[in-house]
Amino acid sequence: MTDVSGGITAPAGYLAAGIHAGIKKPSIPDLALLVSSTPATVAGVFTTNRVVAAPVIVDRMRVRSGLAQAIIINSGNANACTGRQGLSDAEEMTTLVAERLRIPMRRVLVGSTGVIGQPLPMPVIRRGIPLVIKSLRRRGGRDAARAILTTDTRVKEAAVQARIGGKLITVGGMAKGSGMIHPDMATLLAYVTTDAAVSRQALQTCLTRAVERTFNCISVDGDTSTNDTVLCLANGAARNRRIDSGSRELAQLSRLIEDVCRRLAHAICWDGEGVTKVVELHVTGARRLDDARQIARTIATSMLVKTALFGEDANWGRIIAAAGRSGVALRPERLGLAFNGIPIVRGGKSLGKAAERRIARVVKDDEFTLRLDVHQGTAANRVWFTDLSYDYVKINASYRS
């Protein structure tokens, strides 16, 4: 596997663009477009929030057809909780793109991110779509990645390639996400492309697995959104023999897609609102996978744990306490906890002041690992989570203003 540049347009057969249409403040990009030169196999994973934005409704229906060729995305407005008008506006965005690209409307997908509950400024978008189409280019991936950001402070893109079945296959991606980040989809939009030829079922399997092991393993603040969407296009431009379910080639492609998703997920954590620490948490020795997940997520969203991390306070008791209130039956006398491999709790008891002094140095690092072993079985789960700083409160206290 080799890193390559280009992000979402690194694979063959894709063009992208990002422009300032006028949804956000002057000069800030807010409209992106991704286009495949040919109809592409499509897979999607969407928010688990029961309140869903209009673009999610449109995309869920169209992904079922198995083919897509373009994705139009706006930032600055989520087009969520906007009723029938919001759905009509989302469909109009796809219609305007389809007409100018001369492709079927059903092959155009749509994404939106930003403030909830406000109608889309359609006059601005109607003027912007012809401009973003004119701006399409082979190296337009970074412009597109910049145009989908909201409170993000940095562009998030990745691309890798490897030989599969004798052909050079490339996978690229871009994402946005900074706040409202939590497992089971977060406030994120992520788009992945590949030039591999792959069946729809196989592609959906790859994407679902990748999301479960990456985007569903990060948490910034415990909130999920109305707009969360991950889409993957595979246009076959690499001219490989079609990859089907159960094949060796599918396992290889799956690794590429997962690698791109993991890089994007990590970038989201590091760009979390006000984040100063990123922690990799391993919960091991659980009876069931669901138990390990529940313990990990309870720790990752604990305000007391997160604020202790921000204060560089090695307060391991907060971690143990969070595990204890997770709802999973635990044996306190069996618990073990380590920071960067340095044990601090064994058999449910502290290992003393010397161990505490050692982990006090660990929590000053920007990034470190935690391992909680509950010693009840063999199930394990891993998540990445962040601290909670003053800046997170400042950013979200004034988000709409």
Protein backbone atom coordinates (compact mmCIF):
# COMPACT_ATOMS: atom_id res chain seq x y z
CA MET A 1 0.00 0.00 0.00
CA THR A 2 1.39 3.39 -1.04
CA ASP A 3 0.30 6.90 -0.08
CA VAL A 4 -0.57 9.16 -3.01
CA SER A 5 -1.69 12.77 -3.33
CA GLY A 6 -4.96 14.04 -4.73
CA GLY A 7 -7.51 13.00 -2.14
CA ILE A 8 -10.94 12.36 -3.63
CA THR A 9 -9.66 12.78 -7.21
CA ALA A 10 -6.58 10.56 -6.84
CA PRO A 11 -8.34 7.56 -8.48
CA ALA A 12 -8.70 7.70 -12.26
CA GLY A 13 -11.86 9.11 -13.80
CA TYR A 14 -12.92 11.70 -11.19
CA LEU A 15 -13.20 15.49 -11.31
CA ALA A 16 -14.00 17.80 -8.41
CA ALA A 17 -14.44 21.46 -7.56
CA GLY A 18 -15.12 23.69 -4.60
CA ILE A 19 -16.20 27.34 -4.77
CA HIS A 20 -17.67 30.18 -2.74
CA ALA A 21 -21.30 30.43 -3.84
CA GLY A 22 -22.50 32.82 -1.14
CA ILE A 23 -24.04 30.55 1.50
CA LYS A 24 -21.31 31.47 4.00
CA LYS A 25 -19.27 34.61 4.58
CA PRO A 26 -17.41 36.12 1.61
CA SER A 27 -14.49 34.13 0.22
CA ILE A 28 -15.23 31.00 2.32
CA PRO A 29 -15.85 27.98 0.03
CA ASP A 30 -19.33 26.50 0.53
CA LEU A 31 -20.29 24.47 -2.56
CA ALA A 32 -18.51 21.29 -3.73
CA LEU A 33 -19.06 18.92 -6.62
CA LEU A 34 -17.62 15.46 -7.33
CA VAL A 35 -18.15 13.84 -10.73
CA SER A 36 -17.19 10.45 -12.16
CA SER A 37 -16.52 10.27 -15.88
CA THR A 38 -18.79 7.20 -16.07
CA PRO A 39 -21.63 5.83 -13.93
CA ALA A 40 -20.12 4.32 -10.78
CA THR A 41 -21.21 1.61 -8.41
CA VAL A 42 -22.32 3.31 -5.18
CA ALA A 43 -22.56 2.29 -1.52
CA GLY A 44 -23.70 4.36 1.44
CA VAL A 45 -23.93 4.46 5.23
CA PHE A 46 -26.14 7.04 6.93
CA THR A 47 -26.98 8.59 10.28
CA THR A 48 -28.75 6.53 12.94
CA ASN A 49 -30.45 9.69 14.22
CA ARG A 50 -34.22 9.39 13.74
CA VAL A 51 -34.40 13.05 12.76
CA VAL A 52 -32.84 13.05 9.30
CA ALA A 53 -32.02 15.84 6.90
CA ALA A 54 -33.51 16.09 3.42
CA PRO A 55 -30.26 15.08 1.64
CA VAL A 56 -30.16 11.84 3.65
CA ILE A 57 -33.72 10.99 2.56
CA VAL A 58 -32.82 11.60 -1.10
CA ASP A 59 -29.54 9.68 -0.96
CA ARG A 60 -30.95 6.66 0.86
CA MET A 61 -33.46 6.18 -1.94
CA ARG A 62 -31.02 6.72 -4.80
CA VAL A 63 -28.21 4.57 -3.42
CA ARG A 64 -30.56 1.59 -3.71
CA SER A 65 -30.32 1.80 -7.51
CA GLY A 66 -26.63 0.86 -7.22
CA LEU A 67 -25.33 3.58 -9.54
CA ALA A 68 -24.31 7.23 -9.15
CA GLN A 69 -22.21 9.67 -11.12
CA ALA A 70 -22.15 12.99 -9.25
CA ILE A 71 -22.42 14.36 -5.71
CA ILE A 72 -23.28 18.00 -5.00
CA ILE A 73 -22.55 19.21 -1.45
CA ASN A 74 -23.13 22.51 0.32
CA SER A 75 -21.84 23.70 3.68
CA GLY A 76 -23.25 26.46 5.89
CA ASN A 77 -26.77 25.04 5.95
CA ALA A 78 -27.83 21.50 6.93
CA ASN A 79 -31.21 21.52 5.16
CA ALA A 80 -32.53 19.59 8.17
CA CYS A 81 -35.93 20.06 9.85
CA THR A 82 -37.04 22.05 6.80
CA GLY A 83 -40.09 19.97 5.85
CA ARG A 84 -41.32 19.39 2.33
CA GLN A 85 -39.57 22.51 1.08
CA GLY A 86 -36.23 21.12 2.22
CA LEU A 87 -36.83 17.88 0.35
CA SER A 88 -37.84 19.81 -2.76
CA ASP A 89 -34.70 21.96 -2.49
CA ALA A 90 -32.44 18.91 -2.16
CA GLU A 91 -34.03 17.35 -5.22
CA GLU A 92 -33.71 20.62 -7.14
CA MET A 93 -29.97 20.70 -6.41
CA THR A 94 -29.61 17.28 -8.02
CA THR A 95 -31.80 18.30 -10.96
CA LEU A 96 -29.70 21.38 -11.70
CA VAL A 97 -26.51 19.30 -11.70
CA ALA A 98 -28.03 16.52 -13.79
CA GLU A 99 -29.32 18.88 -16.47
CA ARG A 100 -25.98 20.62 -16.94
CA LEU A 101 -23.98 17.38 -16.89
CA ARG A 102 -26.58 15.66 -19.08
CA ILE A 103 -26.94 12.67 -16.81
CA PRO A 104 -30.06 11.16 -15.19
CA MET A 105 -31.18 12.97 -12.04
CA ARG A 106 -31.36 9.66 -10.16
CA ARG A 107 -27.57 9.36 -10.52
CA VAL A 108 -26.88 12.61 -8.67
CA LEU A 109 -26.53 12.51 -4.88
CA VAL A 110 -26.60 15.46 -2.50
CA GLY A 111 -25.08 16.43 0.85
CA SER A 112 -25.55 19.37 3.19
CA THR A 113 -23.93 20.43 6.46
CA GLY A 114 -24.30 23.43 8.73
CA VAL A 115 -27.03 25.06 10.81
CA ILE A 116 -30.22 23.02 11.35
CA GLY A 117 -33.70 24.42 10.77
CA GLN A 118 -33.05 27.12 8.18
CA PRO A 119 -34.23 26.94 4.55
CA LEU A 120 -31.53 26.61 1.92
CA PRO A 121 -30.74 29.90 0.13
CA MET A 122 -31.76 28.45 -3.21
CA PRO A 123 -31.18 31.60 -5.30
CA VAL A 124 -27.54 31.48 -4.21
CA ILE A 125 -27.26 27.76 -4.92
CA ARG A 126 -28.92 28.12 -8.34
CA ARG A 127 -26.29 30.68 -9.30
CA GLY A 128 -23.49 28.62 -7.78
CA ILE A 129 -24.10 25.28 -9.47
CA PRO A 130 -23.14 26.43 -13.00
CA LEU A 131 -20.00 28.02 -11.53
CA VAL A 132 -18.93 24.91 -9.63
CA ILE A 133 -19.48 22.79 -12.76
CA LYS A 134 -17.24 25.14 -14.75
CA SER A 135 -14.59 24.78 -12.04
CA LEU A 136 -14.38 20.97 -12.26
CA ARG A 137 -10.83 19.70 -12.71
CA ARG A 138 -8.71 16.62 -12.23
CA ARG A 139 -6.85 18.17 -9.31
CA GLY A 140 -9.90 19.71 -7.71
CA GLY A 141 -10.03 17.36 -4.75
CA ARG A 142 -8.59 19.77 -2.21
CA ASP A 143 -10.93 22.57 -3.29
CA ALA A 144 -13.89 20.24 -2.80
CA ALA A 145 -12.57 19.08 0.59
CA ARG A 146 -12.25 22.70 1.68
CA ALA A 147 -15.78 23.61 0.56
CA ILE A 148 -17.50 21.00 2.77
CA LEU A 149 -16.02 22.24 6.06
CA THR A 150 -18.01 23.96 8.82
CA THR A 151 -16.29 24.53 12.19
CA ASP A 152 -13.36 22.42 10.94
CA THR A 153 -9.99 24.16 11.00
CA ARG A 154 -8.26 21.97 8.45
CA VAL A 155 -8.89 20.02 5.24
CA LYS A 156 -9.27 16.26 5.65
CA GLU A 157 -8.27 14.08 2.71
CA ALA A 158 -6.35 10.87 2.06
CA ALA A 159 -5.47 8.52 -0.80
CA VAL A 160 -3.67 5.19 -1.15
CA GLN A 161 -3.03 2.66 -3.91
CA ALA A 162 -1.94 -0.94 -4.35
CA ARG A 163 -1.89 -3.65 -7.01
CA ILE A 164 -4.96 -5.88 -6.91
CA GLY A 165 -5.39 -8.62 -9.48
CA GLY A 166 -2.51 -7.23 -11.51
CA LYS A 167 -4.01 -3.73 -11.76
CA LEU A 168 -3.04 -0.56 -9.87
CA ILE A 169 -6.09 0.35 -7.76
CA THR A 170 -6.43 3.72 -6.03
CA VAL A 171 -8.78 4.77 -3.23
CA GLY A 172 -9.22 8.42 -2.23
CA GLY A 173 -11.40 10.27 0.21
CA MET A 174 -12.39 13.52 1.87
CA ALA A 175 -14.35 14.27 5.02
CA LYS A 176 -15.63 17.01 7.27
CA GLY A 177 -16.26 16.78 10.97
CA SER A 178 -15.22 18.62 14.10
CA GLY A 179 -18.09 18.63 16.59
CA MET A 180 -21.11 16.40 17.28
CA ILE A 181 -18.83 13.40 16.76
CA HIS A 182 -19.79 10.05 18.25
CA PRO A 183 -19.98 6.36 17.25
CA ASP A 184 -22.90 5.11 15.13
CA MET A 185 -22.14 7.96 12.79
CA ALA A 186 -21.18 11.44 13.85
CA THR A 187 -21.66 14.91 12.41
CA LEU A 188 -19.60 14.02 9.45
CA LEU A 189 -19.75 13.89 5.73
CA ALA A 190 -17.27 11.52 4.14
CA TYR A 191 -16.84 10.64 0.49
CA VAL A 192 -14.65 7.82 -0.82
CA THR A 193 -13.77 7.06 -4.43
CA THR A 194 -12.01 4.20 -6.15
CA ASP A 195 -11.22 3.32 -9.75
CA ALA A 196 -11.78 -0.37 -9.02
CA ALA A 197 -14.53 -2.33 -10.75
CA VAL A 198 -16.54 -3.93 -7.95
CA SER A 199 -20.05 -5.29 -7.51
CA ARG A 200 -22.53 -3.26 -5.52
CA GLN A 201 -22.93 -5.87 -2.78
CA ALA A 202 -19.18 -6.24 -2.39
CA LEU A 203 -18.68 -2.46 -2.24
CA GLN A 204 -21.40 -2.08 0.38
CA THR A 205 -19.76 -4.81 2.45
CA CYS A 206 -16.40 -3.02 2.25
CA LEU A 207 -17.85 0.36 3.20
CA THR A 208 -20.00 -0.92 6.06
CA ARG A 209 -17.03 -2.76 7.55
CA ALA A 210 -14.75 0.25 7.14
CA VAL A 211 -17.26 2.61 8.79
CA GLU A 212 -17.80 0.22 11.69
CA ARG A 213 -14.04 0.04 12.35
CA THR A 214 -13.23 3.73 11.83
CA PHE A 215 -15.93 6.41 11.86
CA ASN A 216 -17.97 4.40 14.36
CA CYS A 217 -14.97 4.23 16.68
CA ILE A 218 -14.42 7.96 17.30
CA SER A 219 -16.03 10.31 19.79
CA VAL A 220 -15.51 14.01 20.47
CA ASP A 221 -18.59 14.99 22.42
CA GLY A 222 -21.17 12.19 22.40
CA ASP A 223 -23.54 13.79 19.89
CA THR A 224 -24.69 12.52 16.50
CA SER A 225 -26.31 14.52 13.73
CA THR A 226 -29.18 14.62 11.28
CA ASN A 227 -26.94 14.68 8.20
CA ASP A 228 -24.25 12.04 8.71
CA THR A 229 -23.40 10.40 5.41
CA VAL A 230 -20.58 8.25 4.05
CA LEU A 231 -20.73 7.50 0.32
CA CYS A 232 -18.37 5.45 -1.82
CA LEU A 233 -18.15 5.46 -5.63
CA ALA A 234 -16.34 2.81 -7.70
CA ASN A 235 -16.14 3.64 -11.43
CA GLY A 236 -14.03 0.76 -12.80
CA ALA A 237 -11.55 3.07 -14.56
CA ALA A 238 -8.66 0.82 -13.47
CA ARG A 239 -10.08 -1.82 -15.84
CA ASN A 240 -9.59 -4.66 -13.39
CA ARG A 241 -11.69 -7.80 -13.42
CA ARG A 242 -14.81 -7.05 -11.40
CA ILE A 243 -14.36 -7.73 -7.70
CA ASP A 244 -17.12 -9.80 -6.13
CA SER A 245 -18.07 -10.88 -2.63
CA GLY A 246 -15.89 -13.51 -1.00
CA SER A 247 -12.89 -13.00 -3.26
CA ARG A 248 -9.30 -12.43 -2.26
CA GLU A 249 -9.38 -9.19 -4.24
CA LEU A 250 -12.28 -7.92 -2.12
CA ALA A 251 -10.23 -8.39 1.05
CA GLN A 252 -7.44 -6.35 -0.52
CA LEU A 253 -9.78 -3.57 -1.63
CA SER A 254 -11.40 -3.59 1.79
CA ARG A 255 -8.04 -2.87 3.40
CA LEU A 256 -7.51 0.14 1.13
CA ILE A 257 -10.96 1.57 1.84
CA GLU A 258 -10.58 1.00 5.57
CA ASP A 259 -7.17 2.65 5.57
CA VAL A 260 -8.54 5.79 3.91
CA CYS A 261 -11.50 5.89 6.30
CA ARG A 262 -9.22 5.45 9.31
CA ARG A 263 -7.03 8.35 8.23
CA LEU A 264 -10.06 10.56 7.77
CA ALA A 265 -11.51 9.48 11.12
CA HIS A 266 -8.26 10.26 12.93
CA ALA A 267 -8.11 13.65 11.21
CA ILE A 268 -11.62 14.38 12.49
CA CYS A 269 -10.54 13.55 16.05
CA TRP A 270 -7.50 15.79 15.83
CA ASP A 271 -9.62 18.61 14.44
CA GLY A 272 -12.29 18.19 17.12
CA GLU A 273 -13.61 21.45 18.46
CA GLY A 274 -11.12 22.71 21.04
CA VAL A 275 -9.28 19.37 21.17
CA THR A 276 -5.83 19.19 22.78
CA LYS A 277 -5.63 15.41 23.41
CA VAL A 278 -6.54 12.31 21.41
CA VAL A 279 -6.70 9.02 23.31
CA GLU A 280 -6.87 5.49 21.90
CA LEU A 281 -8.90 3.39 24.33
CA HIS A 282 -8.86 -0.42 24.33
CA VAL A 283 -11.44 -2.27 26.40
CA THR A 284 -10.50 -5.94 26.62
CA GLY A 285 -11.64 -9.06 28.44
CA ALA A 286 -15.37 -8.42 28.10
CA ARG A 287 -17.95 -11.20 27.89
CA ARG A 288 -19.51 -9.85 24.68
CA LEU A 289 -18.58 -7.34 22.00
CA ASP A 290 -21.61 -5.21 22.92
CA ASP A 291 -20.36 -5.06 26.51
CA ALA A 292 -16.91 -3.91 25.40
CA ARG A 293 -18.49 -1.26 23.16
CA GLN A 294 -20.75 0.01 25.91
CA ILE A 295 -17.92 0.34 28.40
CA ALA A 296 -15.68 2.08 25.85
CA ARG A 297 -18.38 4.53 24.80
CA THR A 298 -19.29 5.38 28.38
CA ILE A 299 -15.68 6.22 29.17
CA ALA A 300 -15.20 8.12 25.91
CA THR A 301 -18.19 10.40 26.57
CA SER A 302 -17.64 10.96 30.30
CA MET A 303 -17.34 14.70 30.93
CA LEU A 304 -15.25 14.01 34.03
CA VAL A 305 -12.81 11.84 32.10
CA LYS A 306 -12.58 14.32 29.23
CA THR A 307 -12.01 17.35 31.46
CA ALA A 308 -9.40 15.49 33.49
CA LEU A 309 -7.53 14.79 30.26
CA PHE A 310 -7.67 18.47 29.31
CA GLY A 311 -6.27 19.37 32.73
CA GLU A 312 -3.54 16.72 32.34
CA ASP A 313 -4.79 15.16 35.55
CA ALA A 314 -4.01 11.43 35.79
CA ASN A 315 -7.32 10.83 37.58
CA TRP A 316 -7.72 7.14 36.80
CA GLY A 317 -10.60 6.83 39.25
CA ARG A 318 -12.85 8.69 36.81
CA ILE A 319 -12.16 6.07 34.16
CA ILE A 320 -12.97 3.19 36.50
CA ALA A 321 -16.10 4.98 37.71
CA ALA A 322 -17.30 5.55 34.13
CA ALA A 323 -16.85 1.86 33.36
CA GLY A 324 -18.81 1.01 36.49
CA ARG A 325 -21.83 3.07 35.41
CA SER A 326 -21.83 1.73 31.85
CA GLY A 327 -24.64 -0.71 32.62
CA VAL A 328 -22.38 -3.71 32.03
CA ALA A 329 -22.04 -6.15 34.93
CA LEU A 330 -18.43 -5.90 36.15
CA ARG A 331 -16.31 -7.48 38.87
CA PRO A 332 -14.41 -4.50 40.36
CA GLU A 333 -11.82 -6.78 41.94
CA ARG A 334 -10.78 -7.96 38.45
CA LEU A 335 -10.24 -4.61 36.74
CA GLY A 336 -6.88 -3.62 35.32
CA LEU A 337 -5.97 -0.24 33.80
CA ALA A 338 -2.82 0.96 32.02
CA PHE A 339 -1.69 4.24 30.41
CA ASN A 340 0.67 3.71 27.46
CA GLY A 341 1.30 0.22 28.76
CA ILE A 342 2.12 1.45 32.29
CA PRO A 343 -0.16 -0.33 34.80
CA ILE A 344 -1.90 1.84 37.40
CA VAL A 345 -4.72 -0.50 38.50
CA ARG A 346 -4.47 -4.24 39.03
CA GLY A 347 -7.12 -6.39 40.67
CA GLY A 348 -9.24 -3.28 41.07
CA LYS A 349 -6.62 -1.54 43.25
CA SER A 350 -4.10 1.24 42.71
CA LEU A 351 -0.49 0.24 42.23
CA GLY A 352 0.60 3.20 44.31
CA LYS A 353 2.22 6.61 44.11
CA ALA A 354 5.18 5.55 41.97
CA ALA A 355 2.84 4.28 39.23
CA GLU A 356 0.75 7.45 39.49
CA ARG A 357 3.84 9.61 39.00
CA ARG A 358 4.68 7.66 35.84
CA ILE A 359 1.22 8.05 34.29
CA ALA A 360 1.20 11.73 35.33
CA ARG A 361 3.94 12.17 32.73
CA VAL A 362 1.98 10.21 30.11
CA VAL A 363 -1.11 12.46 30.27
CA LYS A 364 1.00 15.47 29.32
CA ASP A 365 1.44 13.96 25.86
CA ASP A 366 -0.88 15.02 23.04
CA GLU A 367 -1.68 11.40 22.22
CA PHE A 368 -1.54 8.20 24.29
CA THR A 369 -3.34 4.89 24.85
CA LEU A 370 -5.55 3.58 27.64
CA ARG A 371 -6.22 -0.12 28.19
CA LEU A 372 -8.95 -1.31 30.52
CA ASP A 373 -9.07 -5.08 31.01
CA VAL A 374 -12.25 -6.29 32.73
CA HIS A 375 -11.03 -9.93 32.88
CA GLN A 376 -14.39 -11.57 32.16
CA GLY A 377 -14.05 -12.94 28.63
CA THR A 378 -12.33 -12.43 25.28
CA ALA A 379 -14.34 -9.64 23.61
CA ALA A 380 -12.63 -6.30 22.94
CA ASN A 381 -13.37 -2.89 21.45
CA ARG A 382 -11.25 0.09 20.46
CA VAL A 383 -12.29 3.74 20.21
CA TRP A 384 -10.52 7.05 19.78
CA PHE A 385 -11.77 9.96 21.84
CA THR A 386 -10.74 13.47 22.84
CA ASP A 387 -10.56 15.80 25.79
CA LEU A 388 -13.03 18.65 26.47
CA SER A 389 -11.57 22.13 26.61
CA TYR A 390 -12.71 25.70 27.25
CA ASP A 391 -12.64 26.30 23.51
CA TYR A 392 -15.26 23.60 22.86
CA VAL A 393 -17.72 25.58 25.00
CA LYS A 394 -16.82 28.87 23.30
CA ILE A 395 -17.23 27.44 19.80
CA ASN A 396 -20.61 25.86 20.48
CA ALA A 397 -21.99 28.68 22.61
CA SER A 398 -21.79 31.01 19.61
CA TYR A 399 -22.18 28.57 16.67
CA ARG A 400 -25.20 30.28 15.07
CA SER A 401 -23.82 33.77 15.56
